[in-house]
mmCIF file of all heavy atoms, coordinates in Angstrom:
data_MODEL
# 
_entry.id   MODEL 
# 
loop_
_atom_site.group_PDB 
_atom_site.id 
_atom_site.type_symbol 
_atom_site.label_atom_id 
_atom_site.label_alt_id 
_atom_site.label_comp_id 
_atom_site.label_asym_id 
_atom_site.label_entity_id 
_atom_site.label_seq_id 
_atom_site.pdbx_PDB_ins_code 
_atom_site.Cartn_x 
_atom_site.Cartn_y 
_atom_site.Cartn_z 
_atom_site.occupancy 
_atom_site.B_iso_or_equiv 
_atom_site.pdbx_formal_charge 
_atom_site.auth_seq_id 
_atom_site.auth_comp_id 
_atom_site.auth_asym_id 
_atom_site.auth_atom_id 
_atom_site.pdbx_PDB_model_num 
ATOM 1   N N   . ASN A 1 1  ? -7.998 14.317  0.850   1.00 0.00 ? 1  ASN A N   1 
ATOM 2   C CA  . ASN A 1 1  ? -6.670 13.896  0.298   1.00 0.00 ? 1  ASN A CA  1 
ATOM 3   C C   . ASN A 1 1  ? -6.035 12.838  1.243   1.00 0.00 ? 1  ASN A C   1 
ATOM 4   O O   . ASN A 1 1  ? -6.293 12.945  2.446   1.00 0.00 ? 1  ASN A O   1 
ATOM 5   C CB  . ASN A 1 1  ? -5.710 15.102  0.124   1.00 0.00 ? 1  ASN A CB  1 
ATOM 6   C CG  . ASN A 1 1  ? -6.165 15.981  -0.991  1.00 0.00 ? 1  ASN A CG  1 
ATOM 7   O OD1 . ASN A 1 1  ? -6.510 15.515  -2.064  1.00 0.00 ? 1  ASN A OD1 1 
ATOM 8   N ND2 . ASN A 1 1  ? -6.125 17.307  -0.755  1.00 0.00 ? 1  ASN A ND2 1 
ATOM 9   N N   . ILE A 1 2  ? -5.271 11.956  0.795   1.00 0.00 ? 2  ILE A N   1 
ATOM 10  C CA  . ILE A 1 2  ? -4.604 10.966  1.553   1.00 0.00 ? 2  ILE A CA  1 
ATOM 11  C C   . ILE A 1 2  ? -3.144 11.455  1.784   1.00 0.00 ? 2  ILE A C   1 
ATOM 12  O O   . ILE A 1 2  ? -2.421 11.649  0.762   1.00 0.00 ? 2  ILE A O   1 
ATOM 13  C CB  . ILE A 1 2  ? -4.623 9.524   0.965   1.00 0.00 ? 2  ILE A CB  1 
ATOM 14  C CG1 . ILE A 1 2  ? -6.039 8.951   1.063   1.00 0.00 ? 2  ILE A CG1 1 
ATOM 15  C CG2 . ILE A 1 2  ? -3.729 8.605   1.754   1.00 0.00 ? 2  ILE A CG2 1 
ATOM 16  C CD1 . ILE A 1 2  ? -6.953 9.467   -0.001  1.00 0.00 ? 2  ILE A CD1 1 
ATOM 17  N N   . ALA A 1 3  ? -2.751 11.628  2.997   1.00 0.00 ? 3  ALA A N   1 
ATOM 18  C CA  . ALA A 1 3  ? -1.420 12.095  3.290   1.00 0.00 ? 3  ALA A CA  1 
ATOM 19  C C   . ALA A 1 3  ? -0.447 10.966  3.480   1.00 0.00 ? 3  ALA A C   1 
ATOM 20  O O   . ALA A 1 3  ? 0.717  11.119  3.108   1.00 0.00 ? 3  ALA A O   1 
ATOM 21  C CB  . ALA A 1 3  ? -1.473 12.985  4.520   1.00 0.00 ? 3  ALA A CB  1 
ATOM 22  N N   . LEU A 1 4  ? -0.924 9.814   4.048   1.00 0.00 ? 4  LEU A N   1 
ATOM 23  C CA  . LEU A 1 4  ? 0.044  8.822   4.491   1.00 0.00 ? 4  LEU A CA  1 
ATOM 24  C C   . LEU A 1 4  ? -0.661 7.416   4.489   1.00 0.00 ? 4  LEU A C   1 
ATOM 25  O O   . LEU A 1 4  ? -1.775 7.305   4.899   1.00 0.00 ? 4  LEU A O   1 
ATOM 26  C CB  . LEU A 1 4  ? 0.576  9.112   5.876   1.00 0.00 ? 4  LEU A CB  1 
ATOM 27  C CG  . LEU A 1 4  ? 1.445  8.047   6.539   1.00 0.00 ? 4  LEU A CG  1 
ATOM 28  C CD1 . LEU A 1 4  ? 2.800  7.946   5.821   1.00 0.00 ? 4  LEU A CD1 1 
ATOM 29  C CD2 . LEU A 1 4  ? 1.681  8.387   8.032   1.00 0.00 ? 4  LEU A CD2 1 
ATOM 30  N N   . PHE A 1 5  ? 0.093  6.485   3.927   1.00 0.00 ? 5  PHE A N   1 
ATOM 31  C CA  . PHE A 1 5  ? -0.238 5.048   4.167   1.00 0.00 ? 5  PHE A CA  1 
ATOM 32  C C   . PHE A 1 5  ? 0.798  4.529   5.138   1.00 0.00 ? 5  PHE A C   1 
ATOM 33  O O   . PHE A 1 5  ? 1.955  4.578   4.840   1.00 0.00 ? 5  PHE A O   1 
ATOM 34  C CB  . PHE A 1 5  ? -0.188 4.252   2.840   1.00 0.00 ? 5  PHE A CB  1 
ATOM 35  C CG  . PHE A 1 5  ? -1.213 4.525   1.805   1.00 0.00 ? 5  PHE A CG  1 
ATOM 36  C CD1 . PHE A 1 5  ? -1.016 5.431   0.790   1.00 0.00 ? 5  PHE A CD1 1 
ATOM 37  C CD2 . PHE A 1 5  ? -2.520 3.946   1.944   1.00 0.00 ? 5  PHE A CD2 1 
ATOM 38  C CE1 . PHE A 1 5  ? -2.009 5.745   -0.160  1.00 0.00 ? 5  PHE A CE1 1 
ATOM 39  C CE2 . PHE A 1 5  ? -3.519 4.260   0.967   1.00 0.00 ? 5  PHE A CE2 1 
ATOM 40  C CZ  . PHE A 1 5  ? -3.242 5.181   -0.039  1.00 0.00 ? 5  PHE A CZ  1 
ATOM 41  N N   . ALA A 1 6  ? 0.322  3.921   6.179   1.00 0.00 ? 6  ALA A N   1 
ATOM 42  C CA  . ALA A 1 6  ? 1.169  3.231   7.239   1.00 0.00 ? 6  ALA A CA  1 
ATOM 43  C C   . ALA A 1 6  ? 0.706  1.795   7.243   1.00 0.00 ? 6  ALA A C   1 
ATOM 44  O O   . ALA A 1 6  ? -0.351 1.439   7.729   1.00 0.00 ? 6  ALA A O   1 
ATOM 45  C CB  . ALA A 1 6  ? 1.022  3.897   8.573   1.00 0.00 ? 6  ALA A CB  1 
ATOM 46  N N   . SER A 1 7  ? 1.556  0.860   6.818   1.00 0.00 ? 7  SER A N   1 
ATOM 47  C CA  . SER A 1 7  ? 1.134  -0.454  6.610   1.00 0.00 ? 7  SER A CA  1 
ATOM 48  C C   . SER A 1 7  ? 2.019  -1.477  7.299   1.00 0.00 ? 7  SER A C   1 
ATOM 49  O O   . SER A 1 7  ? 3.329  -1.242  7.381   1.00 0.00 ? 7  SER A O   1 
ATOM 50  C CB  . SER A 1 7  ? 1.067  -0.909  5.105   1.00 0.00 ? 7  SER A CB  1 
ATOM 51  O OG  . SER A 1 7  ? 0.757  -2.223  4.892   1.00 0.00 ? 7  SER A OG  1 
ATOM 52  N N   . ASP A 1 8  ? 1.536  -2.598  7.756   1.00 0.00 ? 8  ASP A N   1 
ATOM 53  C CA  . ASP A 1 8  ? 2.242  -3.714  8.195   1.00 0.00 ? 8  ASP A CA  1 
ATOM 54  C C   . ASP A 1 8  ? 3.107  -4.231  7.018   1.00 0.00 ? 8  ASP A C   1 
ATOM 55  O O   . ASP A 1 8  ? 2.804  -4.008  5.949   1.00 0.00 ? 8  ASP A O   1 
ATOM 56  C CB  . ASP A 1 8  ? 1.325  -4.794  8.698   1.00 0.00 ? 8  ASP A CB  1 
ATOM 57  C CG  . ASP A 1 8  ? 1.925  -5.833  9.557   1.00 0.00 ? 8  ASP A CG  1 
ATOM 58  O OD1 . ASP A 1 8  ? 3.139  -6.054  9.435   1.00 0.00 ? 8  ASP A OD1 1 
ATOM 59  O OD2 . ASP A 1 8  ? 1.278  -6.486  10.393  1.00 0.00 ? 8  ASP A OD2 1 
ATOM 60  N N   . SER A 1 9  ? 4.178  -4.916  7.342   1.00 0.00 ? 9  SER A N   1 
ATOM 61  C CA  . SER A 1 9  ? 5.042  -5.432  6.341   1.00 0.00 ? 9  SER A CA  1 
ATOM 62  C C   . SER A 1 9  ? 4.461  -6.651  5.584   1.00 0.00 ? 9  SER A C   1 
ATOM 63  O O   . SER A 1 9  ? 4.968  -7.008  4.565   1.00 0.00 ? 9  SER A O   1 
ATOM 64  C CB  . SER A 1 9  ? 6.472  -5.786  7.008   1.00 0.00 ? 9  SER A CB  1 
ATOM 65  O OG  . SER A 1 9  ? 6.321  -6.774  7.996   1.00 0.00 ? 9  SER A OG  1 
ATOM 66  N N   . ARG A 1 10 ? 3.478  -7.281  6.176   1.00 0.00 ? 10 ARG A N   1 
ATOM 67  C CA  . ARG A 1 10 ? 2.835  -8.412  5.511   1.00 0.00 ? 10 ARG A CA  1 
ATOM 68  C C   . ARG A 1 10 ? 1.263  -8.238  5.568   1.00 0.00 ? 10 ARG A C   1 
ATOM 69  O O   . ARG A 1 10 ? 0.681  -7.814  6.542   1.00 0.00 ? 10 ARG A O   1 
ATOM 70  C CB  . ARG A 1 10 ? 3.149  -9.736  6.310   1.00 0.00 ? 10 ARG A CB  1 
ATOM 71  C CG  . ARG A 1 10 ? 4.638  -10.016 6.333   1.00 0.00 ? 10 ARG A CG  1 
ATOM 72  C CD  . ARG A 1 10 ? 4.978  -11.269 6.988   1.00 0.00 ? 10 ARG A CD  1 
ATOM 73  N NE  . ARG A 1 10 ? 6.364  -11.555 7.238   1.00 0.00 ? 10 ARG A NE  1 
ATOM 74  C CZ  . ARG A 1 10 ? 6.875  -12.545 7.877   1.00 0.00 ? 10 ARG A CZ  1 
ATOM 75  N NH1 . ARG A 1 10 ? 6.097  -13.542 8.317   1.00 0.00 ? 10 ARG A NH1 1 
ATOM 76  N NH2 . ARG A 1 10 ? 8.189  -12.687 8.055   1.00 0.00 ? 10 ARG A NH2 1 
ATOM 77  N N   . LEU A 1 11 ? 0.707  -8.511  4.382   1.00 0.00 ? 11 LEU A N   1 
ATOM 78  C CA  . LEU A 1 11 ? -0.710 -8.304  4.199   1.00 0.00 ? 11 LEU A CA  1 
ATOM 79  C C   . LEU A 1 11 ? -1.349 -9.670  3.716   1.00 0.00 ? 11 LEU A C   1 
ATOM 80  O O   . LEU A 1 11 ? -0.634 -10.367 3.034   1.00 0.00 ? 11 LEU A O   1 
ATOM 81  C CB  . LEU A 1 11 ? -1.019 -7.204  3.181   1.00 0.00 ? 11 LEU A CB  1 
ATOM 82  C CG  . LEU A 1 11 ? -0.597 -5.741  3.601   1.00 0.00 ? 11 LEU A CG  1 
ATOM 83  C CD1 . LEU A 1 11 ? -0.839 -4.718  2.522   1.00 0.00 ? 11 LEU A CD1 1 
ATOM 84  C CD2 . LEU A 1 11 ? -1.210 -5.352  4.890   1.00 0.00 ? 11 LEU A CD2 1 
ATOM 85  N N   . PRO A 1 12 ? -2.553 -9.912  3.898   1.00 0.00 ? 12 PRO A N   1 
ATOM 86  C CA  . PRO A 1 12 ? -3.156 -11.186 3.638   1.00 0.00 ? 12 PRO A CA  1 
ATOM 87  C C   . PRO A 1 12 ? -3.492 -11.435 2.150   1.00 0.00 ? 12 PRO A C   1 
ATOM 88  O O   . PRO A 1 12 ? -3.534 -12.531 1.717   1.00 0.00 ? 12 PRO A O   1 
ATOM 89  C CB  . PRO A 1 12 ? -4.443 -11.302 4.484   1.00 0.00 ? 12 PRO A CB  1 
ATOM 90  C CG  . PRO A 1 12 ? -4.802 -9.836  4.691   1.00 0.00 ? 12 PRO A CG  1 
ATOM 91  C CD  . PRO A 1 12 ? -3.500 -9.177  4.874   1.00 0.00 ? 12 PRO A CD  1 
ATOM 92  N N   . ASP A 1 13 ? -3.615 -10.370 1.428   1.00 0.00 ? 13 ASP A N   1 
ATOM 93  C CA  . ASP A 1 13 ? -4.034 -10.423 0.071   1.00 0.00 ? 13 ASP A CA  1 
ATOM 94  C C   . ASP A 1 13 ? -3.080 -9.871  -0.987  1.00 0.00 ? 13 ASP A C   1 
ATOM 95  O O   . ASP A 1 13 ? -3.459 -9.922  -2.187  1.00 0.00 ? 13 ASP A O   1 
ATOM 96  C CB  . ASP A 1 13 ? -5.448 -9.752  -0.124  1.00 0.00 ? 13 ASP A CB  1 
ATOM 97  C CG  . ASP A 1 13 ? -5.391 -8.244  0.196   1.00 0.00 ? 13 ASP A CG  1 
ATOM 98  O OD1 . ASP A 1 13 ? -4.412 -7.816  0.843   1.00 0.00 ? 13 ASP A OD1 1 
ATOM 99  O OD2 . ASP A 1 13 ? -6.342 -7.489  -0.240  1.00 0.00 ? 13 ASP A OD2 1 
ATOM 100 N N   . ALA A 1 14 ? -2.027 -9.437  -0.644  1.00 0.00 ? 14 ALA A N   1 
ATOM 101 C CA  . ALA A 1 14 ? -1.090 -8.857  -1.586  1.00 0.00 ? 14 ALA A CA  1 
ATOM 102 C C   . ALA A 1 14 ? 0.381  -8.668  -0.922  1.00 0.00 ? 14 ALA A C   1 
ATOM 103 O O   . ALA A 1 14 ? 0.434  -8.366  0.301   1.00 0.00 ? 14 ALA A O   1 
ATOM 104 C CB  . ALA A 1 14 ? -1.484 -7.480  -2.134  1.00 0.00 ? 14 ALA A CB  1 
ATOM 105 N N   . ASP A 1 15 ? 1.355  -8.880  -1.766  1.00 0.00 ? 15 ASP A N   1 
ATOM 106 C CA  . ASP A 1 15 ? 2.742  -8.532  -1.246  1.00 0.00 ? 15 ASP A CA  1 
ATOM 107 C C   . ASP A 1 15 ? 2.720  -7.075  -0.933  1.00 0.00 ? 15 ASP A C   1 
ATOM 108 O O   . ASP A 1 15 ? 2.063  -6.199  -1.663  1.00 0.00 ? 15 ASP A O   1 
ATOM 109 C CB  . ASP A 1 15 ? 3.751  -8.815  -2.383  1.00 0.00 ? 15 ASP A CB  1 
ATOM 110 C CG  . ASP A 1 15 ? 5.134  -8.382  -1.963  1.00 0.00 ? 15 ASP A CG  1 
ATOM 111 O OD1 . ASP A 1 15 ? 5.795  -9.213  -1.372  1.00 0.00 ? 15 ASP A OD1 1 
ATOM 112 O OD2 . ASP A 1 15 ? 5.515  -7.313  -2.342  1.00 0.00 ? 15 ASP A OD2 1 
ATOM 113 N N   . ILE A 1 16 ? 3.439  -6.589  0.071   1.00 0.00 ? 16 ILE A N   1 
ATOM 114 C CA  . ILE A 1 16 ? 3.363  -5.206  0.549   1.00 0.00 ? 16 ILE A CA  1 
ATOM 115 C C   . ILE A 1 16 ? 3.891  -4.255  -0.550  1.00 0.00 ? 16 ILE A C   1 
ATOM 116 O O   . ILE A 1 16 ? 3.296  -3.176  -0.739  1.00 0.00 ? 16 ILE A O   1 
ATOM 117 C CB  . ILE A 1 16 ? 4.166  -5.014  1.769   1.00 0.00 ? 16 ILE A CB  1 
ATOM 118 C CG1 . ILE A 1 16 ? 4.145  -3.532  2.319   1.00 0.00 ? 16 ILE A CG1 1 
ATOM 119 C CG2 . ILE A 1 16 ? 5.635  -5.426  1.673   1.00 0.00 ? 16 ILE A CG2 1 
ATOM 120 C CD1 . ILE A 1 16 ? 2.707  -3.033  2.571   1.00 0.00 ? 16 ILE A CD1 1 
ATOM 121 N N   . LEU A 1 17 ? 4.865  -4.610  -1.334  1.00 0.00 ? 17 LEU A N   1 
ATOM 122 C CA  . LEU A 1 17 ? 5.369  -3.733  -2.345  1.00 0.00 ? 17 LEU A CA  1 
ATOM 123 C C   . LEU A 1 17 ? 4.356  -3.625  -3.486  1.00 0.00 ? 17 LEU A C   1 
ATOM 124 O O   . LEU A 1 17 ? 4.243  -2.564  -4.133  1.00 0.00 ? 17 LEU A O   1 
ATOM 125 C CB  . LEU A 1 17 ? 6.727  -4.197  -2.911  1.00 0.00 ? 17 LEU A CB  1 
ATOM 126 C CG  . LEU A 1 17 ? 7.843  -4.298  -1.880  1.00 0.00 ? 17 LEU A CG  1 
ATOM 127 C CD1 . LEU A 1 17 ? 9.113  -4.830  -2.463  1.00 0.00 ? 17 LEU A CD1 1 
ATOM 128 C CD2 . LEU A 1 17 ? 8.067  -2.932  -1.187  1.00 0.00 ? 17 LEU A CD2 1 
ATOM 129 N N   . VAL A 1 18 ? 3.690  -4.691  -3.812  1.00 0.00 ? 18 VAL A N   1 
ATOM 130 C CA  . VAL A 1 18 ? 2.613  -4.572  -4.788  1.00 0.00 ? 18 VAL A CA  1 
ATOM 131 C C   . VAL A 1 18 ? 1.489  -3.749  -4.331  1.00 0.00 ? 18 VAL A C   1 
ATOM 132 O O   . VAL A 1 18 ? 0.944  -2.897  -5.067  1.00 0.00 ? 18 VAL A O   1 
ATOM 133 C CB  . VAL A 1 18 ? 2.060  -6.049  -5.075  1.00 0.00 ? 18 VAL A CB  1 
ATOM 134 C CG1 . VAL A 1 18 ? 0.867  -5.984  -6.079  1.00 0.00 ? 18 VAL A CG1 1 
ATOM 135 C CG2 . VAL A 1 18 ? 3.144  -6.927  -5.724  1.00 0.00 ? 18 VAL A CG2 1 
ATOM 136 N N   . ALA A 1 19 ? 1.121  -3.840  -3.006  1.00 0.00 ? 19 ALA A N   1 
ATOM 137 C CA  . ALA A 1 19 ? 0.211  -2.928  -2.498  1.00 0.00 ? 19 ALA A CA  1 
ATOM 138 C C   . ALA A 1 19 ? 0.578  -1.463  -2.549  1.00 0.00 ? 19 ALA A C   1 
ATOM 139 O O   . ALA A 1 19 ? -0.227 -0.645  -2.866  1.00 0.00 ? 19 ALA A O   1 
ATOM 140 C CB  . ALA A 1 19 ? -0.132 -3.343  -0.996  1.00 0.00 ? 19 ALA A CB  1 
ATOM 141 N N   . PHE A 1 20 ? 1.802  -1.217  -2.180  1.00 0.00 ? 20 PHE A N   1 
ATOM 142 C CA  . PHE A 1 20 ? 2.332  0.182   -2.273  1.00 0.00 ? 20 PHE A CA  1 
ATOM 143 C C   . PHE A 1 20 ? 2.237  0.647   -3.736  1.00 0.00 ? 20 PHE A C   1 
ATOM 144 O O   . PHE A 1 20 ? 1.933  1.871   -3.956  1.00 0.00 ? 20 PHE A O   1 
ATOM 145 C CB  . PHE A 1 20 ? 3.759  0.287   -1.758  1.00 0.00 ? 20 PHE A CB  1 
ATOM 146 C CG  . PHE A 1 20 ? 3.783  0.459   -0.298  1.00 0.00 ? 20 PHE A CG  1 
ATOM 147 C CD1 . PHE A 1 20 ? 4.878  -0.074  0.370   1.00 0.00 ? 20 PHE A CD1 1 
ATOM 148 C CD2 . PHE A 1 20 ? 2.967  1.239   0.416   1.00 0.00 ? 20 PHE A CD2 1 
ATOM 149 C CE1 . PHE A 1 20 ? 4.942  0.057   1.817   1.00 0.00 ? 20 PHE A CE1 1 
ATOM 150 C CE2 . PHE A 1 20 ? 3.058  1.404   1.791   1.00 0.00 ? 20 PHE A CE2 1 
ATOM 151 C CZ  . PHE A 1 20 ? 4.064  0.856   2.492   1.00 0.00 ? 20 PHE A CZ  1 
ATOM 152 N N   . SER A 1 21 ? 2.520  -0.176  -4.704  1.00 0.00 ? 21 SER A N   1 
ATOM 153 C CA  . SER A 1 21 ? 2.454  0.248   -6.100  1.00 0.00 ? 21 SER A CA  1 
ATOM 154 C C   . SER A 1 21 ? 1.010  0.667   -6.419  1.00 0.00 ? 21 SER A C   1 
ATOM 155 O O   . SER A 1 21 ? 0.771  1.610   -7.164  1.00 0.00 ? 21 SER A O   1 
ATOM 156 C CB  . SER A 1 21 ? 2.855  -0.910  -6.981  1.00 0.00 ? 21 SER A CB  1 
ATOM 157 O OG  . SER A 1 21 ? 2.773  -0.556  -8.343  1.00 0.00 ? 21 SER A OG  1 
ATOM 158 N N   . ALA A 1 22 ? 0.077  -0.142  -5.965  1.00 0.00 ? 22 ALA A N   1 
ATOM 159 C CA  . ALA A 1 22 ? -1.291 0.175   -6.238  1.00 0.00 ? 22 ALA A CA  1 
ATOM 160 C C   . ALA A 1 22 ? -1.773 1.406   -5.552  1.00 0.00 ? 22 ALA A C   1 
ATOM 161 O O   . ALA A 1 22 ? -2.457 2.308   -6.170  1.00 0.00 ? 22 ALA A O   1 
ATOM 162 C CB  . ALA A 1 22 ? -2.248 -0.997  -5.775  1.00 0.00 ? 22 ALA A CB  1 
ATOM 163 N N   . TRP A 1 23 ? -1.381 1.640   -4.271  1.00 0.00 ? 23 TRP A N   1 
ATOM 164 C CA  . TRP A 1 23 ? -1.744 2.822   -3.612  1.00 0.00 ? 23 TRP A CA  1 
ATOM 165 C C   . TRP A 1 23 ? -1.046 4.071   -4.172  1.00 0.00 ? 23 TRP A C   1 
ATOM 166 O O   . TRP A 1 23 ? -1.649 5.164   -4.288  1.00 0.00 ? 23 TRP A O   1 
ATOM 167 C CB  . TRP A 1 23 ? -1.440 2.740   -2.138  1.00 0.00 ? 23 TRP A CB  1 
ATOM 168 C CG  . TRP A 1 23 ? -2.084 1.630   -1.432  1.00 0.00 ? 23 TRP A CG  1 
ATOM 169 C CD1 . TRP A 1 23 ? -3.257 0.878   -1.789  1.00 0.00 ? 23 TRP A CD1 1 
ATOM 170 C CD2 . TRP A 1 23 ? -1.574 0.906   -0.354  1.00 0.00 ? 23 TRP A CD2 1 
ATOM 171 N NE1 . TRP A 1 23 ? -3.536 -0.093  -0.991  1.00 0.00 ? 23 TRP A NE1 1 
ATOM 172 C CE2 . TRP A 1 23 ? -2.525 -0.162  -0.005  1.00 0.00 ? 23 TRP A CE2 1 
ATOM 173 C CE3 . TRP A 1 23 ? -0.543 0.961   0.561   1.00 0.00 ? 23 TRP A CE3 1 
ATOM 174 C CZ2 . TRP A 1 23 ? -2.430 -1.029  1.053   1.00 0.00 ? 23 TRP A CZ2 1 
ATOM 175 C CZ3 . TRP A 1 23 ? -0.339 0.105   1.610   1.00 0.00 ? 23 TRP A CZ3 1 
ATOM 176 C CH2 . TRP A 1 23 ? -1.335 -0.911  1.827   1.00 0.00 ? 23 TRP A CH2 1 
ATOM 177 N N   . ARG A 1 24 ? 0.222  3.890   -4.595  1.00 0.00 ? 24 ARG A N   1 
ATOM 178 C CA  . ARG A 1 24 ? 0.896  4.969   -5.253  1.00 0.00 ? 24 ARG A CA  1 
ATOM 179 C C   . ARG A 1 24 ? 0.266  5.385   -6.616  1.00 0.00 ? 24 ARG A C   1 
ATOM 180 O O   . ARG A 1 24 ? 0.169  6.556   -6.938  1.00 0.00 ? 24 ARG A O   1 
ATOM 181 C CB  . ARG A 1 24 ? 2.348  4.580   -5.503  1.00 0.00 ? 24 ARG A CB  1 
ATOM 182 C CG  . ARG A 1 24 ? 3.147  5.654   -6.236  1.00 0.00 ? 24 ARG A CG  1 
ATOM 183 C CD  . ARG A 1 24 ? 4.645  5.160   -6.409  1.00 0.00 ? 24 ARG A CD  1 
ATOM 184 N NE  . ARG A 1 24 ? 5.457  6.252   -6.897  1.00 0.00 ? 24 ARG A NE  1 
ATOM 185 C CZ  . ARG A 1 24 ? 6.779  6.099   -7.057  1.00 0.00 ? 24 ARG A CZ  1 
ATOM 186 N NH1 . ARG A 1 24 ? 7.394  5.115   -6.556  1.00 0.00 ? 24 ARG A NH1 1 
ATOM 187 N NH2 . ARG A 1 24 ? 7.495  7.101   -7.523  1.00 0.00 ? 24 ARG A NH2 1 
ATOM 188 N N   . SER A 1 25 ? -0.240 4.389   -7.306  1.00 0.00 ? 25 SER A N   1 
ATOM 189 C CA  . SER A 1 25 ? -0.923 4.675   -8.617  1.00 0.00 ? 25 SER A CA  1 
ATOM 190 C C   . SER A 1 25 ? -2.185 5.545   -8.353  1.00 0.00 ? 25 SER A C   1 
ATOM 191 O O   . SER A 1 25 ? -2.435 6.450   -9.066  1.00 0.00 ? 25 SER A O   1 
ATOM 192 C CB  . SER A 1 25 ? -1.286 3.373   -9.224  1.00 0.00 ? 25 SER A CB  1 
ATOM 193 O OG  . SER A 1 25 ? -2.025 3.678   -10.428 1.00 0.00 ? 25 SER A OG  1 
ATOM 194 N N   . ALA A 1 26 ? -2.874 5.246   -7.212  1.00 0.00 ? 26 ALA A N   1 
ATOM 195 C CA  . ALA A 1 26 ? -4.087 5.979   -6.920  1.00 0.00 ? 26 ALA A CA  1 
ATOM 196 C C   . ALA A 1 26 ? -3.800 7.327   -6.291  1.00 0.00 ? 26 ALA A C   1 
ATOM 197 O O   . ALA A 1 26 ? -4.439 8.316   -6.574  1.00 0.00 ? 26 ALA A O   1 
ATOM 198 C CB  . ALA A 1 26 ? -4.944 5.144   -5.903  1.00 0.00 ? 26 ALA A CB  1 
ATOM 199 N N   . VAL A 1 27 ? -2.742 7.408   -5.512  1.00 0.00 ? 27 VAL A N   1 
ATOM 200 C CA  . VAL A 1 27 ? -2.480 8.646   -4.678  1.00 0.00 ? 27 VAL A CA  1 
ATOM 201 C C   . VAL A 1 27 ? -1.007 8.955   -4.808  1.00 0.00 ? 27 VAL A C   1 
ATOM 202 O O   . VAL A 1 27 ? -0.252 8.608   -3.944  1.00 0.00 ? 27 VAL A O   1 
ATOM 203 C CB  . VAL A 1 27 ? -2.943 8.613   -3.285  1.00 0.00 ? 27 VAL A CB  1 
ATOM 204 C CG1 . VAL A 1 27 ? -3.030 10.013  -2.651  1.00 0.00 ? 27 VAL A CG1 1 
ATOM 205 C CG2 . VAL A 1 27 ? -4.366 7.948   -3.137  1.00 0.00 ? 27 VAL A CG2 1 
# 
């Protein structure tokens, strides 16, 4: 199980909020 995503505020391939939305959908 994934307990936590800890991410930089900027990512090279997606806006961070878009990334969180994708990760939230998965987990």
